[in-house]
């Protein structure tokens, strides 16, 4: 089991992030990469749904928030692409498997391999170590960080996009499926930056409004000297407090930097903001039970086991916008 020691808990509380090297075996990482290869092989995204992923504010609103494909992806498996990979008609300029930025946002709910990783006994033990009484998964993503194409992710706080009341209820779990280095775009953090609240929020606009989202507040200029790089080896897990400021640089190397990441939320006593961009698909960490709702309640069933037999499931987003 992966219970945290008192010193690890203290470091997480002080810094707002924690690196756990060797959390996943090489075989576990290969299994996730193999499965994502199968998903990519079945990918069929209609021309009008070929959305380029961006991390700059104006481009986020234009390329993500203005499209139903993004806004309705919270309970589906959908595909998002790097900038500059389509021509004016939406045709691929580079091979599709090299153009993909990420797959989101419900691998944990609809794919058996990623569901069992997300709800594994090790993750459950982590949640218990952190004192979570009713942990639920609110989103998941597979991030590719393609060689030479993988773009910069500007400084941000996850709670800006996954806002709760009170704050401090969202936790990122970031799994390195390949070595993350300075050259291929490892994560950078400002230690201790999780104690000052959230500087901005991305909120869903009223139905029928354009664009589909807007930002409340602004991201302040960050002192680059405060960021600390966090290179890790394949199989590492990084815990990320929802309010800690972090970023990653563009991948200029010949190597990808693949990662699987998901977000946990303490459901007990928590209000999921109704104007968050994501439609809330709750999945219990303990049981894997799914609920689509605005309220939160308990999930009392027995937990799923990682050893449960695997079965391929249809990809809900492979053929639908």
Protein backbone atom coordinates (compact mmCIF):
# COMPACT_ATOMS: atom_id res chain seq x y z
CA UNK A 1 0.00 0.00 0.00
CA UNK A 2 1.09 3.58 -0.67
CA UNK A 3 0.49 5.33 2.60
CA UNK A 4 2.38 8.60 3.02
CA UNK A 5 4.80 9.05 5.89
CA UNK A 6 4.44 11.99 8.30
CA UNK A 7 7.44 13.68 6.67
CA UNK A 8 5.93 13.29 3.20
CA UNK A 9 2.62 14.71 4.39
CA UNK A 10 4.41 17.66 5.94
CA UNK A 11 6.35 18.36 2.74
CA UNK A 12 3.16 18.25 0.69
CA UNK A 13 1.44 20.67 3.07
CA UNK A 14 4.40 23.06 2.93
CA UNK A 15 5.16 22.94 -0.82
CA UNK A 16 1.78 22.13 -2.36
CA UNK A 17 3.22 19.22 -4.35
CA UNK A 18 5.01 15.96 -3.64
CA UNK A 19 7.08 13.64 -5.84
CA UNK A 20 6.77 9.88 -5.27
CA UNK A 21 9.36 8.16 -7.45
CA UNK A 22 8.78 4.54 -8.46
CA UNK A 23 5.08 4.59 -7.61
CA UNK A 24 4.18 2.66 -10.76
CA UNK A 25 6.13 -0.22 -12.29
CA UNK A 26 7.48 -0.23 -15.83
CA UNK A 27 4.90 -2.88 -16.73
CA UNK A 28 2.06 -0.69 -15.44
CA UNK A 29 3.33 2.25 -17.48
CA UNK A 30 3.63 0.09 -20.60
CA UNK A 31 0.06 -1.18 -20.11
CA UNK A 32 -1.27 2.39 -20.10
CA UNK A 33 0.78 3.35 -23.16
CA UNK A 34 -0.31 0.24 -25.01
CA UNK A 35 -3.96 0.95 -24.26
CA UNK A 36 -3.70 4.56 -25.39
CA UNK A 37 -2.17 3.30 -28.64
CA UNK A 38 -5.27 1.17 -29.18
CA UNK A 39 -7.51 4.15 -28.48
CA UNK A 40 -5.58 6.28 -30.98
CA UNK A 41 -5.86 3.55 -33.59
CA UNK A 42 -9.66 3.77 -33.30
CA UNK A 43 -9.73 7.59 -33.30
CA UNK A 44 -12.21 9.13 -35.74
CA UNK A 45 -12.84 12.81 -35.07
CA UNK A 46 -15.23 14.68 -37.39
CA UNK A 47 -13.76 17.69 -39.18
CA UNK A 48 -15.84 20.22 -37.23
CA UNK A 49 -14.64 18.74 -33.92
CA UNK A 50 -10.91 18.99 -34.58
CA UNK A 51 -10.10 21.35 -31.73
CA UNK A 52 -6.57 22.61 -31.15
CA UNK A 53 -5.53 22.78 -27.50
CA UNK A 54 -4.16 26.06 -26.16
CA UNK A 55 -2.98 27.34 -22.80
CA UNK A 56 -3.04 31.09 -23.47
CA UNK A 57 -6.13 32.90 -22.20
CA UNK A 58 -7.51 34.39 -25.42
CA UNK A 59 -6.74 31.24 -27.39
CA UNK A 60 -8.32 29.08 -24.69
CA UNK A 61 -11.58 30.95 -25.08
CA UNK A 62 -11.49 30.77 -28.85
CA UNK A 63 -10.23 27.21 -29.33
CA UNK A 64 -11.85 25.48 -26.35
CA UNK A 65 -14.60 27.39 -24.63
CA UNK A 66 -16.35 28.33 -27.85
CA UNK A 67 -16.78 24.70 -28.91
CA UNK A 68 -19.38 22.28 -27.64
CA UNK A 69 -16.90 19.50 -28.35
CA UNK A 70 -14.74 20.70 -25.47
CA UNK A 71 -17.50 21.81 -23.12
CA UNK A 72 -19.33 18.49 -23.35
CA UNK A 73 -16.22 16.33 -22.94
CA UNK A 74 -16.36 16.04 -19.14
CA UNK A 75 -18.10 12.66 -19.29
CA UNK A 76 -16.58 11.36 -22.54
CA UNK A 77 -13.33 10.26 -24.19
CA UNK A 78 -12.39 12.95 -26.68
CA UNK A 79 -9.33 14.11 -28.60
CA UNK A 80 -7.57 17.49 -28.59
CA UNK A 81 -4.71 18.50 -30.86
CA UNK A 82 -1.58 20.62 -30.99
CA UNK A 83 -1.63 24.00 -32.69
CA UNK A 84 -0.77 24.11 -36.37
CA UNK A 85 -1.49 20.46 -37.19
CA UNK A 86 -4.53 21.15 -39.47
CA UNK A 87 -4.82 22.91 -42.79
CA UNK A 88 -7.61 25.41 -43.48
CA UNK A 89 -10.03 22.56 -44.22
CA UNK A 90 -9.28 20.63 -41.04
CA UNK A 91 -7.12 17.99 -42.69
CA UNK A 92 -4.06 16.71 -40.81
CA UNK A 93 -0.71 18.20 -41.82
CA UNK A 94 1.17 15.65 -39.71
CA UNK A 95 0.24 12.04 -38.85
CA UNK A 96 -2.73 12.03 -36.45
CA UNK A 97 -0.87 10.04 -33.79
CA UNK A 98 1.84 12.73 -33.77
CA UNK A 99 -0.62 15.64 -33.71
CA UNK A 100 -2.57 14.71 -30.58
CA UNK A 101 -2.10 16.93 -27.52
CA UNK A 102 -4.32 15.13 -25.04
CA UNK A 103 -7.26 12.77 -24.60
CA UNK A 104 -9.89 13.72 -22.01
CA UNK A 105 -11.79 13.95 -19.84
CA UNK A 106 -13.31 10.65 -18.67
CA UNK A 107 -10.83 7.87 -19.35
CA UNK A 108 -11.21 6.94 -15.69
CA UNK A 109 -14.91 6.28 -16.22
CA UNK A 110 -15.13 4.62 -19.63
CA UNK A 111 -11.87 2.75 -20.22
CA UNK A 112 -11.15 -0.40 -18.15
CA UNK A 113 -7.36 0.00 -18.03
CA UNK A 114 -7.42 3.62 -16.88
CA UNK A 115 -10.37 2.98 -14.57
CA UNK A 116 -8.43 0.28 -12.73
CA UNK A 117 -5.31 2.45 -12.47
CA UNK A 118 -7.32 5.40 -11.17
CA UNK A 119 -9.16 3.28 -8.59
CA UNK A 120 -6.21 1.06 -7.69
CA UNK A 121 -5.52 0.13 -4.05
CA UNK A 122 -2.41 2.34 -4.17
CA UNK A 123 -4.44 5.40 -5.11
CA UNK A 124 -7.03 4.59 -2.48
CA UNK A 125 -4.28 4.37 0.13
CA UNK A 126 -2.94 7.77 -0.97
CA UNK A 127 -6.39 9.28 -0.61
CA UNK A 128 -6.72 7.87 2.88
CA UNK A 129 -3.26 9.15 3.81
CA UNK A 130 -4.34 12.64 2.81
CA UNK A 131 -7.41 12.42 5.02
CA UNK A 132 -9.98 12.29 2.21
CA UNK A 133 -13.22 10.84 3.56
CA UNK A 134 -15.21 10.72 0.31
CA UNK A 135 -12.75 11.00 -2.61
CA UNK A 136 -14.25 11.18 -6.10
CA UNK A 137 -12.62 11.56 -9.51
CA UNK A 138 -13.82 14.59 -11.47
CA UNK A 139 -11.70 14.37 -14.62
CA UNK A 140 -8.80 12.55 -16.26
CA UNK A 141 -6.45 13.21 -19.18
CA UNK A 142 -3.73 11.47 -21.13
CA UNK A 143 -1.13 14.09 -22.13
CA UNK A 144 1.35 13.40 -24.95
CA UNK A 145 3.75 16.38 -25.00
CA UNK A 146 4.84 15.47 -28.52
CA UNK A 147 8.48 15.84 -29.63
CA UNK A 148 9.04 19.38 -30.99
CA UNK A 149 5.26 19.99 -31.11
CA UNK A 150 4.33 19.70 -27.43
CA UNK A 151 3.46 23.26 -26.48
CA UNK A 152 4.13 25.33 -23.39
CA UNK A 153 1.58 25.16 -20.56
CA UNK A 154 1.61 28.60 -18.98
CA UNK A 155 1.55 29.14 -15.18
CA UNK A 156 -1.83 28.21 -13.74
CA UNK A 157 -3.71 26.73 -10.80
CA UNK A 158 -5.90 23.68 -11.39
CA UNK A 159 -8.62 25.13 -9.14
CA UNK A 160 -9.08 27.92 -11.68
CA UNK A 161 -10.77 25.31 -13.88
CA UNK A 162 -12.09 22.97 -11.15
CA UNK A 163 -13.46 25.40 -8.60
CA UNK A 164 -15.00 24.29 -5.32
CA UNK A 165 -16.32 25.87 -2.16
CA UNK A 166 -14.46 25.75 0.08
CA UNK A 167 -11.16 25.77 -1.77
CA UNK A 168 -8.52 23.18 -1.02
CA UNK A 169 -10.69 20.22 -2.04
CA UNK A 170 -9.09 19.37 -5.41
CA UNK A 171 -5.94 17.27 -5.79
CA UNK A 172 -4.08 16.46 -9.01
CA UNK A 173 -2.44 13.06 -9.51
CA UNK A 174 0.18 13.19 -12.29
CA UNK A 175 1.75 9.91 -13.47
CA UNK A 176 4.94 9.98 -15.57
CA UNK A 177 4.71 7.27 -18.24
CA UNK A 178 8.07 8.37 -19.65
CA UNK A 179 10.99 10.20 -18.11
CA UNK A 180 10.11 13.88 -17.69
CA UNK A 181 13.23 16.00 -18.18
CA UNK A 182 14.22 19.63 -18.56
CA UNK A 183 14.50 19.03 -22.29
CA UNK A 184 11.11 17.43 -22.95
CA UNK A 185 8.97 19.65 -20.71
CA UNK A 186 8.91 18.47 -17.10
CA UNK A 187 6.66 20.23 -14.57
CA UNK A 188 7.79 23.36 -12.71
CA UNK A 189 6.27 24.53 -9.41
CA UNK A 190 6.35 27.57 -7.14
CA UNK A 191 6.67 25.86 -3.73
CA UNK A 192 4.23 27.22 -1.18
CA UNK A 193 2.09 29.06 -3.73
CA UNK A 194 -1.02 27.09 -2.75
CA UNK A 195 -1.82 29.26 0.27
CA UNK A 196 -2.92 32.49 -1.42
CA UNK A 197 -6.24 31.52 -3.01
CA UNK A 198 -7.13 31.46 -6.72
CA UNK A 199 -6.24 34.39 -8.97
CA UNK A 200 -8.71 33.68 -11.78
CA UNK A 201 -11.49 31.28 -12.77
CA UNK A 202 -12.71 29.90 -16.07
CA UNK A 203 -16.50 29.80 -15.93
CA UNK A 204 -19.19 28.51 -18.25
CA UNK A 205 -21.21 31.22 -19.98
CA UNK A 206 -25.03 31.15 -19.95
CA UNK A 207 -26.55 28.74 -22.45
CA UNK A 208 -26.46 30.12 -25.98
CA UNK A 209 -23.77 32.69 -25.22
CA UNK A 210 -20.56 33.00 -27.22
CA UNK A 211 -17.86 32.22 -26.37
CA UNK A 212 -18.87 29.29 -24.21
CA UNK A 213 -16.57 30.28 -21.34
CA UNK A 214 -14.92 33.35 -19.91
CA UNK A 215 -12.26 34.13 -17.31
CA UNK A 216 -12.99 35.97 -14.07
CA UNK A 217 -9.87 37.71 -12.79
CA UNK A 218 -6.43 37.64 -14.37
CA UNK A 219 -3.35 35.49 -13.97
CA UNK A 220 -0.71 37.71 -12.32
CA UNK A 221 2.79 37.98 -13.72
CA UNK A 222 4.90 35.30 -12.04
CA UNK A 223 8.55 35.67 -11.07
CA UNK A 224 10.25 32.93 -13.10
CA UNK A 225 13.01 32.68 -10.51
CA UNK A 226 10.48 31.22 -8.06
CA UNK A 227 9.74 28.17 -10.21
CA UNK A 228 11.50 24.93 -9.34
CA UNK A 229 11.89 22.24 -12.04
CA UNK A 230 10.70 18.76 -11.17
CA UNK A 231 12.26 16.19 -13.48
CA UNK A 232 11.13 12.64 -12.65
CA UNK A 233 11.69 9.12 -13.89
CA UNK A 234 9.13 6.92 -15.58
CA UNK A 235 6.69 5.54 -13.01
CA UNK A 236 6.83 8.57 -10.71
CA UNK A 237 3.66 10.09 -9.29
CA UNK A 238 3.35 13.79 -8.45
CA UNK A 239 0.64 14.97 -6.08
CA UNK A 240 -0.49 18.50 -6.99
CA UNK A 241 -2.53 20.72 -4.67
CA UNK A 242 -5.34 22.38 -6.59
CA UNK A 243 -4.04 25.87 -5.86
CA UNK A 244 -0.29 25.44 -6.32
CA UNK A 245 1.08 27.41 -9.30
CA UNK A 246 2.77 25.21 -11.89
CA UNK A 247 3.69 25.15 -15.57
CA UNK A 248 5.66 23.24 -18.19
CA UNK A 249 7.86 24.44 -21.03
CA UNK A 250 7.61 23.52 -24.70
CA UNK A 251 9.10 20.19 -25.70
CA UNK A 252 12.05 20.95 -27.96
CA UNK A 253 13.51 17.46 -27.71
CA UNK A 254 13.22 14.34 -29.84
CA UNK A 255 11.41 12.50 -27.02
CA UNK A 256 7.78 12.69 -26.00
CA UNK A 257 6.77 13.19 -22.34
CA UNK A 258 3.64 11.13 -21.92
CA UNK A 259 1.65 11.30 -18.68
CA UNK A 260 -1.69 10.18 -17.31
CA UNK A 261 -3.26 12.62 -14.90
CA UNK A 262 -6.52 12.80 -12.98
CA UNK A 263 -8.10 15.00 -10.33
CA UNK A 264 -9.59 13.90 -7.04
CA UNK A 265 -12.05 15.92 -5.00
CA UNK A 266 -13.10 15.57 -1.39
CA UNK A 267 -16.86 15.28 -1.81
CA UNK A 268 -17.76 15.52 1.88
CA UNK A 269 -18.88 19.07 2.65
CA UNK A 270 -17.87 20.33 -0.80
CA UNK A 271 -19.86 22.36 -3.33
CA UNK A 272 -18.83 21.93 -6.97
CA UNK A 273 -19.29 25.33 -8.58
CA UNK A 274 -22.29 25.23 -10.97
CA UNK A 275 -20.48 27.52 -13.42
CA UNK A 276 -17.41 25.29 -13.80
CA UNK A 277 -16.81 24.42 -17.44
CA UNK A 278 -17.04 20.67 -16.80
CA UNK A 279 -20.28 18.77 -16.50
CA UNK A 280 -19.72 16.81 -13.33
CA UNK A 281 -19.32 13.05 -13.75
CA UNK A 282 -18.49 11.77 -10.28
CA UNK A 283 -16.63 8.48 -9.99
CA UNK A 284 -15.95 7.10 -6.54
CA UNK A 285 -12.31 6.25 -5.87
CA UNK A 286 -13.39 3.41 -3.61
CA UNK A 287 -16.00 1.80 -5.85
CA UNK A 288 -15.80 3.11 -9.41
CA UNK A 289 -19.51 3.91 -9.25
CA UNK A 290 -20.51 6.78 -11.57
CA UNK A 291 -23.04 9.51 -10.95
CA UNK A 292 -23.91 12.53 -13.09
CA UNK A 293 -25.32 15.15 -10.75
CA UNK A 294 -24.78 18.50 -9.13
CA UNK A 295 -25.09 17.28 -5.54
CA UNK A 296 -22.60 15.02 -3.81
CA UNK A 297 -23.18 11.97 -1.66
CA UNK A 298 -21.45 8.86 -0.36
CA UNK A 299 -20.37 5.77 -2.30
CA UNK A 300 -20.62 2.88 0.18
CA UNK A 301 -19.90 -0.13 -2.05
CA UNK A 302 -16.76 -2.27 -1.86
CA UNK A 303 -13.76 -1.01 -3.85
CA UNK A 304 -12.74 -2.34 -7.25
CA UNK A 305 -9.57 -4.41 -7.43
CA UNK A 306 -6.75 -3.71 -9.87
CA UNK A 307 -6.65 -7.42 -10.74
CA UNK A 308 -10.22 -7.43 -12.07
CA UNK A 309 -10.38 -8.85 -15.63
CA UNK A 310 -10.09 -6.25 -18.39
CA UNK A 311 -12.57 -5.83 -21.23
CA UNK A 312 -12.50 -3.40 -24.11
CA UNK A 313 -15.27 -0.84 -24.04
CA UNK A 314 -16.61 1.24 -26.96
CA UNK A 315 -15.11 4.71 -27.19
CA UNK A 316 -18.04 7.03 -26.73
CA UNK A 317 -16.29 9.97 -28.36
CA UNK A 318 -14.66 8.16 -31.24
CA UNK A 319 -17.62 8.65 -33.56
CA UNK A 320 -19.63 11.44 -31.96
CA UNK A 321 -18.99 15.20 -31.68
